Amino acid sequence: MAEQQAKTEAVVRGNRRVETGVVTRDKMNKTRRVEIPRLVKHPRYSKYIKRRTICYVHDEKNESRTGDTVEIMETRPLSKLKTWRLVRVVTKAPEQALAAAIPGAANPA
């Protein structure tokens, strides 16, 4: 009975958009700023131009860090800006890049 109800709820809810992007800011608690890059063809010159979409993502466990590639899913509005949830961390950022980005992390003395 419960399985049938869960299936009907999933059908009513519908499919949610899933995107992959890179975490660009992780200074907030349980919130990440994720950049989703895309290429757009110019209508006249047919040249491809880089564009980006900025999404604020809810990260309940604070598991992602700057530079990580993450998979996010659209959800109900959680706040004024947050309408995405973190699904999983696809790839972690290299530790060397993090040490270079944070001053004093490589040499704690």
PDB file of N, CA and C in Angstrom:
ATOM      1  N   MET A   1       0.823  -1.190   0.000  1.00  0.00           N
ATOM      2  CA  MET A   1       0.000   0.000   0.000  1.00  0.00           C
ATOM      3  C   MET A   1       0.869   1.257   0.000  1.00  0.00           C
ATOM      4  N   ALA A   2       1.873   1.268   0.868  1.00  0.00           N
ATOM      5  CA  ALA A   2       2.753   2.429   0.958  1.00  0.00           C
ATOM      6  C   ALA A   2       3.591   2.593  -0.309  1.00  0.00           C
ATOM      7  N   GLU A   3       3.979   1.457  -0.920  1.00  0.00           N
ATOM      8  CA  GLU A   3       4.763   1.504  -2.159  1.00  0.00           C
ATOM      9  C   GLU A   3       3.951   2.136  -3.286  1.00  0.00           C
ATOM     10  N   GLN A   4       2.673   1.799  -3.361  1.00  0.00           N
ATOM     11  CA  GLN A   4       1.824   2.350  -4.409  1.00  0.00           C
ATOM     12  C   GLN A   4       1.644   3.860  -4.206  1.00  0.00           C
ATOM     13  N   GLN A   5       1.492   4.288  -2.964  1.00  0.00           N
ATOM     14  CA  GLN A   5       1.343   5.706  -2.669  1.00  0.00           C
ATOM     15  C   GLN A   5       2.625   6.468  -3.023  1.00  0.00           C
ATOM     16  N   ALA A   6       3.785   5.893  -2.741  1.00  0.00           N
ATOM     17  CA  ALA A   6       5.059   6.535  -3.067  1.00  0.00           C
ATOM     18  C   ALA A   6       5.220   6.688  -4.575  1.00  0.00           C
ATOM     19  N   LYS A   7       4.795   5.676  -5.329  1.00  0.00           N
ATOM     20  CA  LYS A   7       4.894   5.743  -6.790  1.00  0.00           C
ATOM     21  C   LYS A   7       4.006   6.848  -7.346  1.00  0.00           C
ATOM     22  N   THR A   8       2.786   6.975  -6.822  1.00  0.00           N
ATOM     23  CA  THR A   8       1.889   8.016  -7.327  1.00  0.00           C
ATOM     24  C   THR A   8       2.399   9.404  -6.958  1.00  0.00           C
ATOM     25  N   GLU A   9       3.021   9.570  -5.802  1.00  0.00           N
ATOM     26  CA  GLU A   9       3.586  10.867  -5.421  1.00  0.00           C
ATOM     27  C   GLU A   9       4.730  11.253  -6.346  1.00  0.00           C
ATOM     28  N   ALA A  10       5.540  10.272  -6.740  1.00  0.00           N
ATOM     29  CA  ALA A  10       6.652  10.540  -7.648  1.00  0.00           C
ATOM     30  C   ALA A  10       6.135  10.979  -9.016  1.00  0.00           C
ATOM     31  N   VAL A  11       5.054  10.388  -9.463  1.00  0.00           N
ATOM     32  CA  VAL A  11       4.483  10.755 -10.754  1.00  0.00           C
ATOM     33  C   VAL A  11       3.900  12.161 -10.694  1.00  0.00           C
ATOM     34  N   VAL A  12       3.230  12.497  -9.610  1.00  0.00           N
ATOM     35  CA  VAL A  12       2.633  13.825  -9.462  1.00  0.00           C
ATOM     36  C   VAL A  12       3.719  14.888  -9.390  1.00  0.00           C
ATOM     37  N   ARG A  13       4.800  14.620  -8.684  1.00  0.00           N
ATOM     38  CA  ARG A  13       5.875  15.584  -8.505  1.00  0.00           C
ATOM     39  C   ARG A  13       6.561  15.884  -9.832  1.00  0.00           C
ATOM     40  N   GLY A  14       6.724  14.863 -10.666  1.00  0.00           N
ATOM     41  CA  GLY A  14       7.363  15.056 -11.960  1.00  0.00           C
ATOM     42  C   GLY A  14       8.873  15.026 -11.845  1.00  0.00           C
ATOM     43  N   ASN A  15       9.536  15.127 -13.002  1.00  0.00           N
ATOM     44  CA  ASN A  15      10.990  15.104 -13.027  1.00  0.00           C
ATOM     45  C   ASN A  15      11.537  16.481 -12.664  1.00  0.00           C
ATOM     46  N   ARG A  16      12.638  16.469 -11.949  1.00  0.00           N
ATOM     47  CA  ARG A  16      13.290  17.716 -11.568  1.00  0.00           C
ATOM     48  C   ARG A  16      14.583  17.864 -12.356  1.00  0.00           C
ATOM     49  N   ARG A  17      14.938  19.102 -12.646  1.00  0.00           N
ATOM     50  CA  ARG A  17      16.170  19.349 -13.400  1.00  0.00           C
ATOM     51  C   ARG A  17      17.381  18.980 -12.565  1.00  0.00           C
ATOM     52  N   VAL A  18      18.334  18.337 -13.203  1.00  0.00           N
ATOM     53  CA  VAL A  18      19.597  17.987 -12.557  1.00  0.00           C
ATOM     54  C   VAL A  18      20.708  18.609 -13.385  1.00  0.00           C
ATOM     55  N   GLU A  19      21.596  19.359 -12.745  1.00  0.00           N
ATOM     56  CA  GLU A  19      22.697  20.043 -13.424  1.00  0.00           C
ATOM     57  C   GLU A  19      24.010  19.694 -12.745  1.00  0.00           C
ATOM     58  N   THR A  20      25.111  19.918 -13.453  1.00  0.00           N
ATOM     59  CA  THR A  20      26.441  19.713 -12.907  1.00  0.00           C
ATOM     60  C   THR A  20      27.198  21.026 -13.000  1.00  0.00           C
ATOM     61  N   GLY A  21      27.849  21.416 -11.907  1.00  0.00           N
ATOM     62  CA  GLY A  21      28.584  22.674 -11.889  1.00  0.00           C
ATOM     63  C   GLY A  21      29.746  22.623 -10.919  1.00  0.00           C
ATOM     64  N   VAL A  22      30.426  23.758 -10.767  1.00  0.00           N
ATOM     65  CA  VAL A  22      31.606  23.863  -9.915  1.00  0.00           C
ATOM     66  C   VAL A  22      31.301  24.813  -8.768  1.00  0.00           C
ATOM     67  N   VAL A  23      31.662  24.418  -7.558  1.00  0.00           N
ATOM     68  CA  VAL A  23      31.460  25.261  -6.377  1.00  0.00           C
ATOM     69  C   VAL A  23      32.465  26.415  -6.436  1.00  0.00           C
ATOM     70  N   THR A  24      31.959  27.649  -6.365  1.00  0.00           N
ATOM     71  CA  THR A  24      32.839  28.813  -6.418  1.00  0.00           C
ATOM     72  C   THR A  24      32.944  29.527  -5.079  1.00  0.00           C
ATOM     73  N   ARG A  25      32.013  29.269  -4.167  1.00  0.00           N
ATOM     74  CA  ARG A  25      32.069  29.920  -2.862  1.00  0.00           C
ATOM     75  C   ARG A  25      31.453  28.996  -1.820  1.00  0.00           C
ATOM     76  N   ASP A  26      32.148  28.841  -0.680  1.00  0.00           N
ATOM     77  CA  ASP A  26      31.645  27.955   0.372  1.00  0.00           C
ATOM     78  C   ASP A  26      31.739  28.606   1.751  1.00  0.00           C
ATOM     79  N   LYS A  27      31.649  29.917   1.813  1.00  0.00           N
ATOM     80  CA  LYS A  27      31.827  30.622   3.085  1.00  0.00           C
ATOM     81  C   LYS A  27      30.563  30.621   3.942  1.00  0.00           C
ATOM     82  N   MET A  28      29.413  30.305   3.363  1.00  0.00           N
ATOM     83  CA  MET A  28      28.170  30.302   4.127  1.00  0.00           C
ATOM     84  C   MET A  28      27.912  28.925   4.721  1.00  0.00           C
ATOM     85  N   ASN A  29      27.162  28.877   5.794  1.00  0.00           N
ATOM     86  CA  ASN A  29      26.828  27.622   6.440  1.00  0.00           C
ATOM     87  C   ASN A  29      25.667  26.965   5.698  1.00  0.00           C
ATOM     88  N   LYS A  30      25.878  25.738   5.229  1.00  0.00           N
ATOM     89  CA  LYS A  30      24.884  24.929   4.522  1.00  0.00           C
ATOM     90  C   LYS A  30      24.452  25.524   3.184  1.00  0.00           C
ATOM     91  N   THR A  31      25.190  26.478   2.652  1.00  0.00           N
ATOM     92  CA  THR A  31      24.879  27.081   1.357  1.00  0.00           C
ATOM     93  C   THR A  31      26.137  27.146   0.517  1.00  0.00           C
ATOM     94  N   ARG A  32      26.029  26.779  -0.746  1.00  0.00           N
ATOM     95  CA  ARG A  32      27.148  26.848  -1.672  1.00  0.00           C
ATOM     96  C   ARG A  32      26.714  27.634  -2.904  1.00  0.00           C
ATOM     97  N   ARG A  33      27.677  28.330  -3.498  1.00  0.00           N
ATOM     98  CA  ARG A  33      27.431  29.044  -4.749  1.00  0.00           C
ATOM     99  C   ARG A  33      28.048  28.205  -5.858  1.00  0.00           C
ATOM    100  N   VAL A  34      27.220  27.781  -6.812  1.00  0.00           N
ATOM    101  CA  VAL A  34      27.660  26.869  -7.867  1.00  0.00           C
ATOM    102  C   VAL A  34      27.512  27.563  -9.218  1.00  0.00           C
ATOM    103  N   GLU A  35      28.556  27.456 -10.029  1.00  0.00           N
ATOM    104  CA  GLU A  35      28.563  28.017 -11.376  1.00  0.00           C
ATOM    105  C   GLU A  35      28.329  26.903 -12.378  1.00  0.00           C
ATOM    106  N   ILE A  36      27.376  27.092 -13.278  1.00  0.00           N
ATOM    107  CA  ILE A  36      27.104  26.124 -14.327  1.00  0.00           C
ATOM    108  C   ILE A  36      27.492  26.771 -15.659  1.00  0.00           C
ATOM    109  N   PRO A  37      28.615  26.350 -16.256  1.00  0.00           N
ATOM    110  CA  PRO A  37      29.036  26.960 -17.532  1.00  0.00           C
ATOM    111  C   PRO A  37      28.263  26.373 -18.712  1.00  0.00           C
ATOM    112  N   ARG A  38      28.107  27.184 -19.754  1.00  0.00           N
ATOM    113  CA  ARG A  38      27.479  26.712 -20.986  1.00  0.00           C
ATOM    114  C   ARG A  38      28.036  27.516 -22.155  1.00  0.00           C
ATOM    115  N   LEU A  39      27.915  26.970 -23.355  1.00  0.00           N
ATOM    116  CA  LEU A  39      28.341  27.656 -24.571  1.00  0.00           C
ATOM    117  C   LEU A  39      27.102  28.045 -25.370  1.00  0.00           C
ATOM    118  N   VAL A  40      27.064  29.302 -25.829  1.00  0.00           N
ATOM    119  CA  VAL A  40      25.941  29.819 -26.601  1.00  0.00           C
ATOM    120  C   VAL A  40      26.468  30.301 -27.943  1.00  0.00           C
ATOM    121  N   LYS A  41      25.804  29.934 -28.995  1.00  0.00           N
ATOM    122  CA  LYS A  41      26.229  30.349 -30.332  1.00  0.00           C
ATOM    123  C   LYS A  41      25.699  31.755 -30.629  1.00  0.00           C
ATOM    124  N   HIS A  42      26.587  32.646 -31.058  1.00  0.00           N
ATOM    125  CA  HIS A  42      26.187  34.008 -31.405  1.00  0.00           C
ATOM    126  C   HIS A  42      25.314  33.957 -32.662  1.00  0.00           C
ATOM    127  N   PRO A  43      24.178  34.670 -32.679  1.00  0.00           N
ATOM    128  CA  PRO A  43      23.256  34.545 -33.810  1.00  0.00           C
ATOM    129  C   PRO A  43      23.821  35.055 -35.140  1.00  0.00           C
ATOM    130  N   ARG A  44      24.642  36.089 -35.093  1.00  0.00           N
ATOM    131  CA  ARG A  44      25.161  36.644 -36.338  1.00  0.00           C
ATOM    132  C   ARG A  44      26.516  36.062 -36.732  1.00  0.00           C
ATOM    133  N   TYR A  45      27.440  35.996 -35.763  1.00  0.00           N
ATOM    134  CA  TYR A  45      28.812  35.618 -36.078  1.00  0.00           C
ATOM    135  C   TYR A  45      29.093  34.124 -35.922  1.00  0.00           C
ATOM    136  N   SER A  46      28.164  33.377 -35.439  1.00  0.00           N
ATOM    137  CA  SER A  46      28.273  31.929 -35.258  1.00  0.00           C
ATOM    138  C   SER A  46      29.458  31.515 -34.397  1.00  0.00           C
ATOM    139  N   LYS A  47      29.920  32.434 -33.571  1.00  0.00           N
ATOM    140  CA  LYS A  47      31.019  32.134 -32.655  1.00  0.00           C
ATOM    141  C   LYS A  47      30.406  31.678 -31.330  1.00  0.00           C
ATOM    142  N   TYR A  48      31.040  30.708 -30.686  1.00  0.00           N
ATOM    143  CA  TYR A  48      30.541  30.231 -29.407  1.00  0.00           C
ATOM    144  C   TYR A  48      31.067  31.103 -28.282  1.00  0.00           C
ATOM    145  N   ILE A  49      30.170  31.526 -27.404  1.00  0.00           N
ATOM    146  CA  ILE A  49      30.500  32.416 -26.299  1.00  0.00           C
ATOM    147  C   ILE A  49      30.248  31.683 -24.992  1.00  0.00           C
ATOM    148  N   LYS A  50      31.155  31.851 -24.030  1.00  0.00           N
ATOM    149  CA  LYS A  50      30.970  31.242 -22.711  1.00  0.00           C
ATOM    150  C   LYS A  50      29.974  32.061 -21.905  1.00  0.00           C
ATOM    151  N   ARG A  51      29.019  31.383 -21.338  1.00  0.00           N
ATOM    152  CA  ARG A  51      28.052  31.994 -20.424  1.00  0.00           C
ATOM    153  C   ARG A  51      28.018  31.141 -19.170  1.00  0.00           C
ATOM    154  N   ARG A  52      27.505  31.697 -18.094  1.00  0.00           N
ATOM    155  CA  ARG A  52      27.423  30.934 -16.850  1.00  0.00           C
ATOM    156  C   ARG A  52      26.117  31.237 -16.147  1.00  0.00           C
ATOM    157  N   THR A  53      25.680  30.296 -15.352  1.00  0.00           N
ATOM    158  CA  THR A  53      24.507  30.454 -14.507  1.00  0.00           C
ATOM    159  C   THR A  53      24.963  30.240 -13.073  1.00  0.00           C
ATOM    160  N   ILE A  54      24.577  31.151 -12.194  1.00  0.00           N
ATOM    161  CA  ILE A  54      24.930  31.059 -10.779  1.00  0.00           C
ATOM    162  C   ILE A  54      23.723  30.508 -10.016  1.00  0.00           C
ATOM    163  N   CYS A  55      23.937  29.446  -9.246  1.00  0.00           N
ATOM    164  CA  CYS A  55      22.880  28.853  -8.433  1.00  0.00           C
ATOM    165  C   CYS A  55      23.350  28.791  -6.984  1.00  0.00           C
ATOM    166  N   TYR A  56      22.456  29.099  -6.070  1.00  0.00           N
ATOM    167  CA  TYR A  56      22.735  28.910  -4.658  1.00  0.00           C
ATOM    168  C   TYR A  56      22.132  27.574  -4.248  1.00  0.00           C
ATOM    169  N   VAL A  57      22.973  26.736  -3.643  1.00  0.00           N
ATOM    170  CA  VAL A  57      22.632  25.341  -3.410  1.00  0.00           C
ATOM    171  C   VAL A  57      22.620  25.041  -1.915  1.00  0.00           C
ATOM    172  N   HIS A  58      21.642  24.258  -1.487  1.00  0.00           N
ATOM    173  CA  HIS A  58      21.561  23.821  -0.089  1.00  0.00           C
ATOM    174  C   HIS A  58      22.408  22.568   0.099  1.00  0.00           C
ATOM    175  N   ASP A  59      23.419  22.670   0.972  1.00  0.00           N
ATOM    176  CA  ASP A  59      24.322  21.557   1.279  1.00  0.00           C
ATOM    177  C   ASP A  59      24.164  21.247   2.762  1.00  0.00           C
ATOM    178  N   GLU A  60      23.284  20.319   3.073  1.00  0.00           N
ATOM    179  CA  GLU A  60      22.913  20.031   4.464  1.00  0.00           C
ATOM    180  C   GLU A  60      24.101  19.622   5.332  1.00  0.00           C
ATOM    181  N   LYS A  61      25.024  18.837   4.800  1.00  0.00           N
ATOM    182  CA  LYS A  61      26.131  18.303   5.606  1.00  0.00           C
ATOM    183  C   LYS A  61      27.421  19.102   5.453  1.00  0.00           C
ATOM    184  N   ASN A  62      27.406  20.200   4.721  1.00  0.00           N
ATOM    185  CA  ASN A  62      28.607  21.006   4.460  1.00  0.00           C
ATOM    186  C   ASN A  62      29.743  20.138   3.915  1.00  0.00           C
ATOM    187  N   GLU A  63      29.435  19.271   2.954  1.00  0.00           N
ATOM    188  CA  GLU A  63      30.433  18.322   2.460  1.00  0.00           C
ATOM    189  C   GLU A  63      31.210  18.817   1.248  1.00  0.00           C
ATOM    190  N   SER A  64      30.732  19.837   0.553  1.00  0.00           N
ATOM    191  CA  SER A  64      31.445  20.324  -0.631  1.00  0.00           C
ATOM    192  C   SER A  64      32.331  21.514  -0.281  1.00  0.00           C
ATOM    193  N   ARG A  65      33.382  21.695  -1.063  1.00  0.00           N
ATOM    194  CA  ARG A  65      34.335  22.783  -0.867  1.00  0.00           C
ATOM    195  C   ARG A  65      34.554  23.506  -2.192  1.00  0.00           C
ATOM    196  N   THR A  66      35.209  24.648  -2.159  1.00  0.00           N
ATOM    197  CA  THR A  66      35.494  25.422  -3.362  1.00  0.00           C
ATOM    198  C   THR A  66      36.307  24.585  -4.349  1.00  0.00           C
ATOM    199  N   GLY A  67      35.889  24.578  -5.605  1.00  0.00           N
ATOM    200  CA  GLY A  67      36.583  23.832  -6.643  1.00  0.00           C
ATOM    201  C   GLY A  67      36.000  22.459  -6.915  1.00  0.00           C
ATOM    202  N   ASP A  68      35.121  21.963  -6.048  1.00  0.00           N
ATOM    203  CA  ASP A  68      34.505  20.649  -6.258  1.00  0.00           C
ATOM    204  C   ASP A  68      33.497  20.720  -7.408  1.00  0.00           C
ATOM    205  N   THR A  69      33.417  19.642  -8.173  1.00  0.00           N
ATOM    206  CA  THR A  69      32.372  19.507  -9.181  1.00  0.00           C
ATOM    207  C   THR A  69      31.226  18.759  -8.518  1.00  0.00           C
ATOM    208  N   VAL A  70      30.028  19.355  -8.569  1.00  0.00           N
ATOM    209  CA  VAL A  70      28.887  18.785  -7.855  1.00  0.00           C
ATOM    210  C   VAL A  70      27.697  18.620  -8.788  1.00  0.00           C
ATOM    211  N   GLU A  71      26.802  17.729  -8.383  1.00  0.00           N
ATOM    212  CA  GLU A  71      25.543  17.523  -9.087  1.00  0.00           C
ATOM    213  C   GLU A  71      24.444  18.096  -8.207  1.00  0.00           C
ATOM    214  N   ILE A  72      23.597  18.953  -8.784  1.00  0.00           N
ATOM    215  CA  ILE A  72      22.554  19.616  -8.010  1.00  0.00           C
ATOM    216  C   ILE A  72      21.192  19.336  -8.644  1.00  0.00           C
ATOM    217  N   MET A  73      20.148  19.416  -7.815  1.00  0.00           N
ATOM    218  CA  MET A  73      18.792  19.139  -8.271  1.00  0.00           C
ATOM    219  C   MET A  73      17.883  20.291  -7.870  1.00  0.00           C
ATOM    220  N   GLU A  74      16.992  20.654  -8.763  1.00  0.00           N
ATOM    221  CA  GLU A  74      16.033  21.712  -8.482  1.00  0.00           C
ATOM    222  C   GLU A  74      15.061  21.255  -7.397  1.00  0.00           C
ATOM    223  N   THR A  75      14.666  22.175  -6.526  1.00  0.00           N
ATOM    224  CA  THR A  75      13.759  21.835  -5.433  1.00  0.00           C
ATOM    225  C   THR A  75      12.852  23.028  -5.138  1.00  0.00           C
ATOM    226  N   ARG A  76      12.008  22.883  -4.159  1.00  0.00           N
ATOM    227  CA  ARG A  76      11.136  23.998  -3.774  1.00  0.00           C
ATOM    228  C   ARG A  76      11.999  25.121  -3.221  1.00  0.00           C
ATOM    229  N   PRO A  77      11.510  26.357  -3.210  1.00  0.00           N
ATOM    230  CA  PRO A  77      12.306  27.447  -2.652  1.00  0.00           C
ATOM    231  C   PRO A  77      12.592  27.232  -1.162  1.00  0.00           C
ATOM    232  N   LEU A  78      13.873  27.255  -0.814  1.00  0.00           N
ATOM    233  CA  LEU A  78      14.285  27.080   0.573  1.00  0.00           C
ATOM    234  C   LEU A  78      14.550  28.427   1.240  1.00  0.00           C
ATOM    235  N   SER A  79      14.861  29.432   0.434  1.00  0.00           N
ATOM    236  CA  SER A  79      15.052  30.794   0.925  1.00  0.00           C
ATOM    237  C   SER A  79      14.883  31.719  -0.272  1.00  0.00           C
ATOM    238  N   LYS A  80      15.273  32.973  -0.110  1.00  0.00           N
ATOM    239  CA  LYS A  80      15.107  33.940  -1.196  1.00  0.00           C
ATOM    240  C   LYS A  80      15.888  33.525  -2.448  1.00  0.00           C
ATOM    241  N   LEU A  81      17.091  33.014  -2.273  1.00  0.00           N
ATOM    242  CA  LEU A  81      17.942  32.654  -3.405  1.00  0.00           C
ATOM    243  C   LEU A  81      18.061  31.154  -3.645  1.00  0.00           C
ATOM    244  N   LYS A  82      17.914  30.335  -2.600  1.00  0.00           N
ATOM    245  CA  LYS A  82      18.175  28.897  -2.729  1.00  0.00           C
ATOM    246  C   LYS A  82      16.962  28.143  -3.256  1.00  0.00           C
ATOM    247  N   THR A  83      17.129  27.581  -4.464  1.00  0.00           N
ATOM    248  CA  THR A  83      16.095  26.707  -5.029  1.00  0.00           C
ATOM    249  C   THR A  83      16.725  25.430  -5.577  1.00  0.00           C
ATOM    250  N   TRP A  84      17.931  25.101  -5.129  1.00  0.00           N
ATOM    251  CA  TRP A  84      18.642  23.898  -5.566  1.00  0.00           C
ATOM    252  C   TRP A  84      19.154  23.156  -4.349  1.00  0.00           C
ATOM    253  N   ARG A  85      19.283  21.826  -4.488  1.00  0.00           N
ATOM    254  CA  ARG A  85      19.823  20.958  -3.445  1.00  0.00           C
ATOM    255  C   ARG A  85      21.031  20.225  -3.976  1.00  0.00           C
ATOM    256  N   LEU A  86      21.988  19.957  -3.110  1.00  0.00           N
ATOM    257  CA  LEU A  86      23.160  19.174  -3.490  1.00  0.00           C
ATOM    258  C   LEU A  86      22.774  17.701  -3.522  1.00  0.00           C
ATOM    259  N   VAL A  87      23.022  17.038  -4.663  1.00  0.00           N
ATOM    260  CA  VAL A  87      22.747  15.606  -4.785  1.00  0.00           C
ATOM    261  C   VAL A  87      23.982  14.818  -4.381  1.00  0.00           C
ATOM    262  N   ARG A  88      25.134  15.155  -5.013  1.00  0.00           N
ATOM    263  CA  ARG A  88      26.377  14.454  -4.693  1.00  0.00           C
ATOM    264  C   ARG A  88      27.560  15.274  -5.172  1.00  0.00           C
ATOM    265  N   VAL A  89      28.709  14.970  -4.605  1.00  0.00           N
ATOM    266  CA  VAL A  89      29.966  15.569  -5.046  1.00  0.00           C
ATOM    267  C   VAL A  89      30.543  14.626  -6.091  1.00  0.00           C
ATOM    268  N   VAL A  90      30.668  15.101  -7.334  1.00  0.00           N
ATOM    269  CA  VAL A  90      31.153  14.257  -8.426  1.00  0.00           C
ATOM    270  C   VAL A  90      32.661  14.074  -8.306  1.00  0.00           C
ATOM    271  N   THR A  91      33.404  15.176  -8.240  1.00  0.00           N
ATOM    272  CA  THR A  91      34.858  15.109  -8.052  1.00  0.00           C
ATOM    273  C   THR A  91      35.279  16.158  -7.045  1.00  0.00           C
ATOM    274  N   LYS A  92      36.227  15.766  -6.192  1.00  0.00           N
ATOM    275  CA  LYS A  92      36.761  16.697  -5.196  1.00  0.00           C
ATOM    276  C   LYS A  92      37.851  17.541  -5.838  1.00  0.00           C
ATOM    277  N   ALA A  93      38.021  18.759  -5.334  1.00  0.00           N
ATOM    278  CA  ALA A  93      39.087  19.634  -5.817  1.00  0.00           C
ATOM    279  C   ALA A  93      40.419  19.103  -5.317  1.00  0.00           C
ATOM    280  N   PRO A  94      41.486  19.259  -6.104  1.00  0.00           N
ATOM    281  CA  PRO A  94      42.799  18.814  -5.641  1.00  0.00           C
ATOM    282  C   PRO A  94      43.227  19.590  -4.402  1.00  0.00           C
ATOM    283  N   GLU A  95      43.899  18.914  -3.484  1.00  0.00           N
ATOM    284  CA  GLU A  95      44.330  19.542  -2.231  1.00  0.00           C
ATOM    285  C   GLU A  95      45.336  20.654  -2.475  1.00  0.00           C
ATOM    286  N   GLN A  96      46.174  20.520  -3.509  1.00  0.00           N
ATOM    287  CA  GLN A  96      47.187  21.529  -3.797  1.00  0.00           C
ATOM    288  C   GLN A  96      46.532  22.845  -4.186  1.00  0.00           C
ATOM    289  N   ALA A  97      45.471  22.779  -4.959  1.00  0.00           N
ATOM    290  CA  ALA A  97      44.793  23.997  -5.375  1.00  0.00           C
ATOM    291  C   ALA A  97      44.141  24.682  -4.179  1.00  0.00           C
ATOM    292  N   LEU A  98      43.624  23.879  -3.244  1.00  0.00           N
ATOM    293  CA  LEU A  98      43.016  24.460  -2.055  1.00  0.00           C
ATOM    294  C   LEU A  98      44.075  25.134  -1.181  1.00  0.00           C
ATOM    295  N   ALA A  99      45.238  24.512  -1.050  1.00  0.00           N
ATOM    296  CA  ALA A  99      46.301  25.087  -0.236  1.00  0.00           C
ATOM    297  C   ALA A  99      46.794  26.397  -0.847  1.00  0.00           C
ATOM    298  N   ALA A 100      46.853  26.458  -2.173  1.00  0.00           N
ATOM    299  CA  ALA A 100      47.296  27.680  -2.840  1.00  0.00           C
ATOM    300  C   ALA A 100      46.249  28.775  -2.724  1.00  0.00           C
ATOM    301  N   ALA A 101      44.972  28.393  -2.696  1.00  0.00           N
ATOM    302  CA  ALA A 101      43.896  29.379  -2.648  1.00  0.00           C
ATOM    303  C   ALA A 101      43.746  29.991  -1.263  1.00  0.00           C
ATOM    304  N   ILE A 102      44.086  29.222  -0.218  1.00  0.00           N
ATOM    305  CA  ILE A 102      43.924  29.706   1.148  1.00  0.00           C
ATOM    306  C   ILE A 102      45.291  30.150   1.661  1.00  0.00           C
ATOM    307  N   PRO A 103      45.480  31.457   1.905  1.00  0.00           N
ATOM    308  CA  PRO A 103      46.781  31.899   2.409  1.00  0.00           C
ATOM    309  C   PRO A 103      47.039  31.395   3.822  1.00  0.00           C
ATOM    310  N   GLY A 104      48.230  30.900   4.049  1.00  0.00           N
ATOM    311  CA  GLY A 104      48.604  30.414   5.369  1.00  0.00           C
ATOM    312  C   GLY A 104      48.292  28.943   5.601  1.00  0.00           C
ATOM    313  N   ALA A 105      47.572  28.310   4.680  1.00  0.00           N
ATOM    314  CA  ALA A 105      47.229  26.898   4.871  1.00  0.00           C
ATOM    315  C   ALA A 105      48.435  25.991   4.636  1.00  0.00           C
ATOM    316  N   ALA A 106      49.282  26.358   3.669  1.00  0.00           N
ATOM    317  CA  ALA A 106      50.469  25.539   3.370  1.00  0.00           C
ATOM    318  C   ALA A 106      51.521  25.679   4.468  1.00  0.00           C
ATOM    319  N   ASN A 107      51.720  26.895   4.972  1.00  0.00           N
ATOM    320  CA  ASN A 107      52.692  27.171   6.042  1.00  0.00           C
ATOM    321  C   ASN A 107      51.969  27.678   7.268  1.00  0.00           C
ATOM    322  N   PRO A 108      51.567  26.790   8.164  1.00  0.00           N
ATOM    323  CA  PRO A 108      50.788  27.216   9.328  1.00  0.00           C
ATOM    324  C   PRO A 108      51.601  28.028  10.330  1.00  0.00           C
ATOM    325  N   ALA A 109      52.917  28.065  10.231  1.00  0.00           N
ATOM    326  CA  ALA A 109      53.754  28.802  11.181  1.00  0.00           C
ATOM    327  C   ALA A 109      53.680  30.266  11.048  1.00  0.00           C
TER     328      ALA A 109
END
